[in-house]
Every structure is written in structure tokens, then in C-alpha cells.
N, C-alpha and C. Protein backbone atom coordinates (compact mmCIF):
# COMPACT_ATOMS: atom_id res chain seq x y z
N MET A 1 77.47 98.47 83.84
CA MET A 1 78.38 99.64 83.63
C MET A 1 79.59 99.41 84.57
N SER A 2 80.83 99.60 84.04
CA SER A 2 81.89 99.55 84.81
C SER A 2 82.22 100.62 85.80
N LYS A 3 83.06 100.52 86.73
CA LYS A 3 83.33 101.64 87.67
C LYS A 3 84.67 102.22 87.22
N PHE A 4 84.98 103.45 87.62
CA PHE A 4 86.26 104.06 87.15
C PHE A 4 86.82 104.50 88.45
N ILE A 5 88.18 104.53 88.51
CA ILE A 5 89.03 104.82 89.68
C ILE A 5 89.42 106.24 89.60
N VAL A 6 89.15 106.97 90.60
CA VAL A 6 89.28 108.45 90.70
C VAL A 6 90.51 108.75 91.51
N PRO A 7 91.21 109.84 91.10
CA PRO A 7 92.60 110.20 91.87
C PRO A 7 92.24 110.95 93.20
N THR A 8 93.12 110.56 94.23
CA THR A 8 93.10 111.33 95.47
C THR A 8 94.55 111.60 95.79
N PRO A 9 94.99 112.59 96.05
CA PRO A 9 94.45 113.85 96.30
C PRO A 9 94.02 114.46 94.75
N MET A 10 93.53 115.72 94.74
CA MET A 10 92.99 116.23 93.57
C MET A 10 93.82 116.33 92.46
N ILE A 11 95.25 116.50 92.63
CA ILE A 11 96.22 116.52 91.50
C ILE A 11 96.53 115.11 91.21
N LEU A 12 96.45 114.57 90.04
CA LEU A 12 96.31 113.21 89.59
C LEU A 12 97.78 112.66 89.71
N LYS A 13 98.77 113.13 88.94
CA LYS A 13 100.13 112.50 88.88
C LYS A 13 100.14 110.96 88.57
N GLY A 14 99.09 110.57 87.76
CA GLY A 14 99.19 109.24 87.31
C GLY A 14 98.54 108.15 88.31
N LYS A 15 98.15 108.45 89.49
CA LYS A 15 97.84 107.49 90.48
C LYS A 15 96.21 107.54 90.65
N LEU A 16 95.68 106.57 90.49
CA LEU A 16 94.15 106.32 90.49
C LEU A 16 93.81 105.61 91.77
N ARG A 17 93.01 106.13 92.47
CA ARG A 17 92.61 105.47 93.93
C ARG A 17 91.01 105.43 94.27
N GLU A 18 90.30 106.35 94.18
CA GLU A 18 89.03 106.19 94.80
C GLU A 18 87.90 105.84 93.76
N ILE A 19 87.04 105.08 94.08
CA ILE A 19 86.05 104.50 93.08
C ILE A 19 84.90 105.38 92.87
N VAL A 20 84.50 105.62 91.71
CA VAL A 20 83.27 106.40 91.34
C VAL A 20 82.43 105.46 90.58
N ASN A 21 81.18 105.53 90.79
CA ASN A 21 80.24 104.72 90.10
C ASN A 21 79.72 105.38 88.81
N LEU A 22 80.09 105.07 87.71
CA LEU A 22 79.83 105.83 86.38
C LEU A 22 78.28 105.64 86.02
N GLU A 23 77.58 104.71 86.60
CA GLU A 23 76.21 104.54 86.33
C GLU A 23 75.43 105.70 86.84
N LYS A 24 75.89 106.50 87.85
CA LYS A 24 75.16 107.53 88.36
C LYS A 24 75.56 108.85 87.84
N LEU A 25 76.55 108.77 86.86
CA LEU A 25 77.16 109.98 86.28
C LEU A 25 76.09 110.69 85.40
N THR A 26 75.87 112.01 85.59
CA THR A 26 74.97 112.82 84.81
C THR A 26 75.71 113.52 83.64
N THR A 27 76.81 114.15 83.91
CA THR A 27 77.56 114.83 82.96
C THR A 27 79.02 114.94 83.33
N PHE A 28 79.88 115.01 82.41
CA PHE A 28 81.35 115.29 82.73
C PHE A 28 81.76 116.32 81.74
N THR A 29 82.59 117.32 82.29
CA THR A 29 83.21 118.35 81.48
C THR A 29 84.74 118.47 81.69
N TYR A 30 85.39 118.95 80.67
CA TYR A 30 86.84 119.16 80.98
C TYR A 30 87.35 120.49 80.31
N MET A 31 88.38 120.87 80.86
CA MET A 31 89.08 122.11 80.22
C MET A 31 90.62 121.95 80.28
N LYS A 32 91.25 122.22 79.28
CA LYS A 32 92.75 122.19 79.24
C LYS A 32 93.25 123.27 80.07
N ALA A 33 94.49 123.28 80.51
CA ALA A 33 95.23 124.19 81.30
C ALA A 33 95.45 125.31 80.39
N THR A 34 95.30 126.53 80.99
CA THR A 34 95.64 127.80 80.28
C THR A 34 96.45 128.79 81.17
N ASN A 35 97.47 129.26 80.56
CA ASN A 35 98.28 130.25 81.20
C ASN A 35 98.73 129.76 82.66
N GLU A 36 98.09 130.43 83.68
CA GLU A 36 98.38 130.03 85.08
C GLU A 36 97.38 129.12 85.67
N HIS A 37 96.39 128.56 84.93
CA HIS A 37 95.34 127.87 85.49
C HIS A 37 95.53 126.40 85.21
N TYR A 38 95.20 125.48 86.13
CA TYR A 38 95.36 124.18 85.88
C TYR A 38 94.17 123.70 84.94
N GLY A 39 94.28 122.51 84.33
CA GLY A 39 93.20 121.93 83.58
C GLY A 39 92.31 121.04 84.56
N TYR A 40 91.13 120.67 84.23
CA TYR A 40 90.42 119.90 85.21
C TYR A 40 89.34 118.94 84.30
N ILE A 41 88.95 117.92 84.99
CA ILE A 41 87.75 117.19 84.60
C ILE A 41 86.74 117.30 85.81
N LYS A 42 85.60 117.66 85.49
CA LYS A 42 84.57 117.65 86.43
C LYS A 42 83.37 116.70 86.21
N PHE A 43 83.09 115.89 87.22
CA PHE A 43 82.02 114.94 87.02
C PHE A 43 80.94 115.30 87.89
N CYS A 44 79.61 115.36 87.30
CA CYS A 44 78.40 115.72 87.99
C CYS A 44 77.47 114.61 88.06
N PHE A 45 76.95 114.45 89.29
CA PHE A 45 75.93 113.34 89.52
C PHE A 45 74.66 113.89 89.83
N ASP A 46 73.42 113.25 89.65
CA ASP A 46 72.27 113.77 89.79
C ASP A 46 71.83 114.08 91.21
N LYS A 47 72.51 113.48 92.16
CA LYS A 47 72.31 113.69 93.62
C LYS A 47 73.44 114.37 94.21
N GLY A 48 74.26 115.29 93.38
CA GLY A 48 75.30 115.79 94.14
C GLY A 48 76.61 115.12 94.19
N ASN A 49 77.43 115.41 95.15
CA ASN A 49 78.64 114.66 95.40
C ASN A 49 79.60 114.74 94.14
N ASP A 50 79.58 115.89 93.58
CA ASP A 50 80.42 116.11 92.27
C ASP A 50 81.99 115.83 92.68
N HIS A 51 82.69 115.38 91.65
CA HIS A 51 84.11 115.33 91.70
C HIS A 51 84.77 116.09 90.70
N THR A 52 85.84 116.81 91.05
CA THR A 52 86.65 117.60 90.18
C THR A 52 88.10 117.07 90.25
N TRP A 53 88.75 116.80 89.19
CA TRP A 53 90.18 116.20 89.15
C TRP A 53 90.94 117.42 88.51
N ILE A 54 91.94 117.77 89.07
CA ILE A 54 92.76 118.92 88.82
C ILE A 54 94.05 118.39 88.01
N TYR A 55 94.47 118.89 87.00
CA TYR A 55 95.69 118.45 86.39
C TYR A 55 96.66 119.74 86.08
N THR A 56 98.02 119.41 86.40
CA THR A 56 99.03 120.35 86.00
C THR A 56 99.56 120.03 84.54
N ASP A 57 99.28 118.90 84.09
CA ASP A 57 99.75 118.30 82.86
C ASP A 57 98.70 117.91 81.91
N ASP A 58 98.61 118.53 80.76
CA ASP A 58 97.55 118.21 79.75
C ASP A 58 97.72 116.75 79.33
N ALA A 59 98.90 116.19 79.23
CA ALA A 59 99.06 114.95 78.77
C ALA A 59 98.41 113.96 79.56
N ALA A 60 98.57 114.13 81.01
CA ALA A 60 97.93 113.15 81.94
C ALA A 60 96.48 113.20 81.87
N MET A 61 95.96 114.52 81.74
CA MET A 61 94.46 114.70 81.49
C MET A 61 93.98 113.93 80.17
N LYS A 62 94.66 114.21 79.19
CA LYS A 62 94.34 113.53 77.93
C LYS A 62 94.32 111.96 78.04
N ASN A 63 95.22 111.34 78.74
CA ASN A 63 95.29 110.00 78.88
C ASN A 63 94.05 109.48 79.75
N ASP A 64 93.71 110.15 80.83
CA ASP A 64 92.50 109.88 81.66
C ASP A 64 91.12 110.04 80.76
N LEU A 65 91.17 111.22 80.02
CA LEU A 65 89.91 111.27 79.28
C LEU A 65 89.75 110.04 78.30
N HIS A 66 90.77 109.68 77.65
CA HIS A 66 90.78 108.46 76.78
C HIS A 66 90.18 107.30 77.62
N LEU A 67 90.64 107.01 78.78
CA LEU A 67 90.23 105.95 79.66
C LEU A 67 88.67 106.20 79.87
N ILE A 68 88.32 107.27 80.27
CA ILE A 68 86.92 107.68 80.73
C ILE A 68 86.03 107.40 79.44
N TYR A 69 86.38 107.94 78.38
CA TYR A 69 85.63 107.64 77.07
C TYR A 69 85.38 106.26 76.83
N ASP A 70 86.57 105.35 77.01
CA ASP A 70 86.52 104.00 76.85
C ASP A 70 85.44 103.32 77.82
N LYS A 71 85.56 103.75 79.05
CA LYS A 71 84.61 103.23 80.10
C LYS A 71 83.18 103.48 79.76
N LEU A 72 82.82 104.68 79.26
CA LEU A 72 81.52 105.03 78.93
C LEU A 72 81.05 104.52 77.57
N GLU A 73 81.95 103.93 76.87
CA GLU A 73 81.79 103.39 75.57
C GLU A 73 81.40 104.53 74.58
N ILE A 74 82.21 105.57 74.67
CA ILE A 74 82.02 106.76 73.82
C ILE A 74 83.28 106.83 72.89
N ALA A 75 83.11 107.04 71.57
CA ALA A 75 84.26 107.19 70.75
C ALA A 75 85.13 108.32 71.05
N TRP A 76 86.33 108.07 71.18
CA TRP A 76 87.30 109.17 71.63
C TRP A 76 87.92 109.79 70.27
N ASP A 77 87.81 111.17 70.03
CA ASP A 77 88.38 111.76 68.84
C ASP A 77 89.47 112.67 69.28
N GLU A 78 90.74 112.53 68.99
CA GLU A 78 91.76 113.31 69.23
C GLU A 78 91.53 114.87 69.05
N SER A 79 90.77 115.20 68.04
CA SER A 79 90.51 116.52 67.65
C SER A 79 89.62 117.11 68.72
N GLN A 80 88.92 116.37 69.62
CA GLN A 80 88.07 116.98 70.67
C GLN A 80 88.83 117.59 71.84
N PHE A 81 90.31 117.21 71.88
CA PHE A 81 91.17 117.69 72.96
C PHE A 81 91.74 118.98 72.64
């Protein structure tokens, strides 16, 4: 299983830096931005050490979700976003 690069600081802005091992990933969820709230992707691992990526821009989050789905070998469907 490949590793994926996680952004630091929390707001992405297209720069990927810190490595997360997807083999230990239990679940991940995401929520698009609404009104005054940022969008996010949350990665959960069975032994804790969860990561949350915060997005001010839905387009950037959509691009990252597409990459994550590819790395996990899950089919990406535009209607899911």
C-alpha cells in the first residue's frame, strides 16, 4: 500500500508535506465548506493519532479527495462530492 503526503499546516493551499501510512487507516470522512465553516477531511487510525485537514477552498479538497481515492484504489465518483 502506498503512503500519502499530508499537508502541514492544517490549511492545505496545495502544499503536501507530512507522510501518513495509509495501511493503518481505519476510516476517513469529509465535509464540504458551509456558510462560515471550513471544509475538512478527517483520517482516523485504529491506535489514535488522527489527522484533520482543513480547507478554505472546496476545489482543493476535491482534488485531494481524488488523490486519496486513487491511493486507496477506490473508484472516485464526482456525484459523491
